[in-house]
Amino acid sequence: MKLSTPTKLVFWLSTALAVLGILGKFIAIPFVSSYNFWLVAAGFVLLWLGNVLKGF
């Protein structure tokens, strides 16, 4: 399996999702705190897709 570099958009979206999820764990943010695990998981899945799929 060849890995590719994710686009800048995918990288920053996945980073933003992961940061929001982590912040939601420690700071009470109405929607984010309820789904903090899923936001971090979605960020990692998005980053994984950006690495596995070429041009994503």
C-alpha atoms as a PDB file:
ATOM      1  CA  MET A   1       0.000   0.000   0.000  1.00  0.00           C
ATOM      2  CA  LYS A   2       1.399   3.357  -1.011  1.00  0.00           C
ATOM      3  CA  LEU A   3       0.649   6.316   1.203  1.00  0.00           C
ATOM      4  CA  SER A   4       0.145   9.803  -0.115  1.00  0.00           C
ATOM      5  CA  THR A   5       0.258  13.211   1.468  1.00  0.00           C
ATOM      6  CA  PRO A   6      -3.206  14.514   2.414  1.00  0.00           C
ATOM      7  CA  THR A   7      -4.287  17.837   1.014  1.00  0.00           C
ATOM      8  CA  LYS A   8      -3.952  20.875   3.213  1.00  0.00           C
ATOM      9  CA  LEU A   9      -7.742  21.122   3.560  1.00  0.00           C
ATOM     10  CA  VAL A  10      -8.047  17.531   4.812  1.00  0.00           C
ATOM     11  CA  PHE A  11      -5.120  17.996   7.185  1.00  0.00           C
ATOM     12  CA  TRP A  12      -6.535  21.175   8.738  1.00  0.00           C
ATOM     13  CA  LEU A  13     -10.092  19.788   8.958  1.00  0.00           C
ATOM     14  CA  SER A  14      -8.873  16.671  10.745  1.00  0.00           C
ATOM     15  CA  THR A  15      -6.717  18.775  13.056  1.00  0.00           C
ATOM     16  CA  ALA A  16      -9.656  21.059  13.860  1.00  0.00           C
ATOM     17  CA  LEU A  17     -11.917  18.089  14.631  1.00  0.00           C
ATOM     18  CA  ALA A  18      -9.314  16.524  16.909  1.00  0.00           C
ATOM     19  CA  VAL A  19      -8.637  19.800  18.742  1.00  0.00           C
ATOM     20  CA  LEU A  20     -12.364  20.425  19.221  1.00  0.00           C
ATOM     21  CA  GLY A  21     -12.802  16.916  20.606  1.00  0.00           C
ATOM     22  CA  ILE A  22      -9.907  17.319  23.021  1.00  0.00           C
ATOM     23  CA  LEU A  23     -11.111  20.742  24.153  1.00  0.00           C
ATOM     24  CA  GLY A  24     -14.607  19.316  24.612  1.00  0.00           C
ATOM     25  CA  LYS A  25     -13.196  16.825  27.087  1.00  0.00           C
ATOM     26  CA  PHE A  26     -11.765  19.522  29.367  1.00  0.00           C
ATOM     27  CA  ILE A  27     -14.008  22.547  28.705  1.00  0.00           C
ATOM     28  CA  ALA A  28     -17.802  22.445  28.761  1.00  0.00           C
ATOM     29  CA  ILE A  29     -18.831  23.290  25.193  1.00  0.00           C
ATOM     30  CA  PRO A  30     -22.533  22.478  24.593  1.00  0.00           C
ATOM     31  CA  PHE A  31     -22.443  20.294  21.443  1.00  0.00           C
ATOM     32  CA  VAL A  32     -18.763  19.402  21.426  1.00  0.00           C
ATOM     33  CA  SER A  33     -18.594  18.012  24.955  1.00  0.00           C
ATOM     34  CA  SER A  34     -21.336  15.490  24.175  1.00  0.00           C
ATOM     35  CA  TYR A  35     -19.498  14.089  21.156  1.00  0.00           C
ATOM     36  CA  ASN A  36     -15.834  14.656  22.030  1.00  0.00           C
ATOM     37  CA  PHE A  37     -14.760  11.058  21.387  1.00  0.00           C
ATOM     38  CA  TRP A  38     -16.537  10.942  18.030  1.00  0.00           C
ATOM     39  CA  LEU A  39     -14.998  14.232  16.931  1.00  0.00           C
ATOM     40  CA  VAL A  40     -11.498  12.951  17.635  1.00  0.00           C
ATOM     41  CA  ALA A  41     -12.307   9.642  15.930  1.00  0.00           C
ATOM     42  CA  ALA A  42     -13.695  11.459  12.874  1.00  0.00           C
ATOM     43  CA  GLY A  43     -10.559  13.585  12.721  1.00  0.00           C
ATOM     44  CA  PHE A  44      -8.316  10.532  12.706  1.00  0.00           C
ATOM     45  CA  VAL A  45     -10.466   8.735  10.116  1.00  0.00           C
ATOM     46  CA  LEU A  46     -10.382  11.809   7.890  1.00  0.00           C
ATOM     47  CA  LEU A  47      -6.605  12.002   8.224  1.00  0.00           C
ATOM     48  CA  TRP A  48      -6.306   8.280   7.491  1.00  0.00           C
ATOM     49  CA  LEU A  49      -8.412   8.663   4.360  1.00  0.00           C
ATOM     50  CA  GLY A  50      -6.232  11.553   3.293  1.00  0.00           C
ATOM     51  CA  ASN A  51      -3.169   9.326   3.586  1.00  0.00           C
ATOM     52  CA  VAL A  52      -4.612   6.226   1.943  1.00  0.00           C
ATOM     53  CA  LEU A  53      -6.567   7.780  -0.941  1.00  0.00           C
ATOM     54  CA  LYS A  54      -4.548   9.644  -3.537  1.00  0.00           C
ATOM     55  CA  GLY A  55      -5.732  13.222  -4.075  1.00  0.00           C
ATOM     56  CA  PHE A  56      -8.074  13.239  -1.081  1.00  0.00           C
END
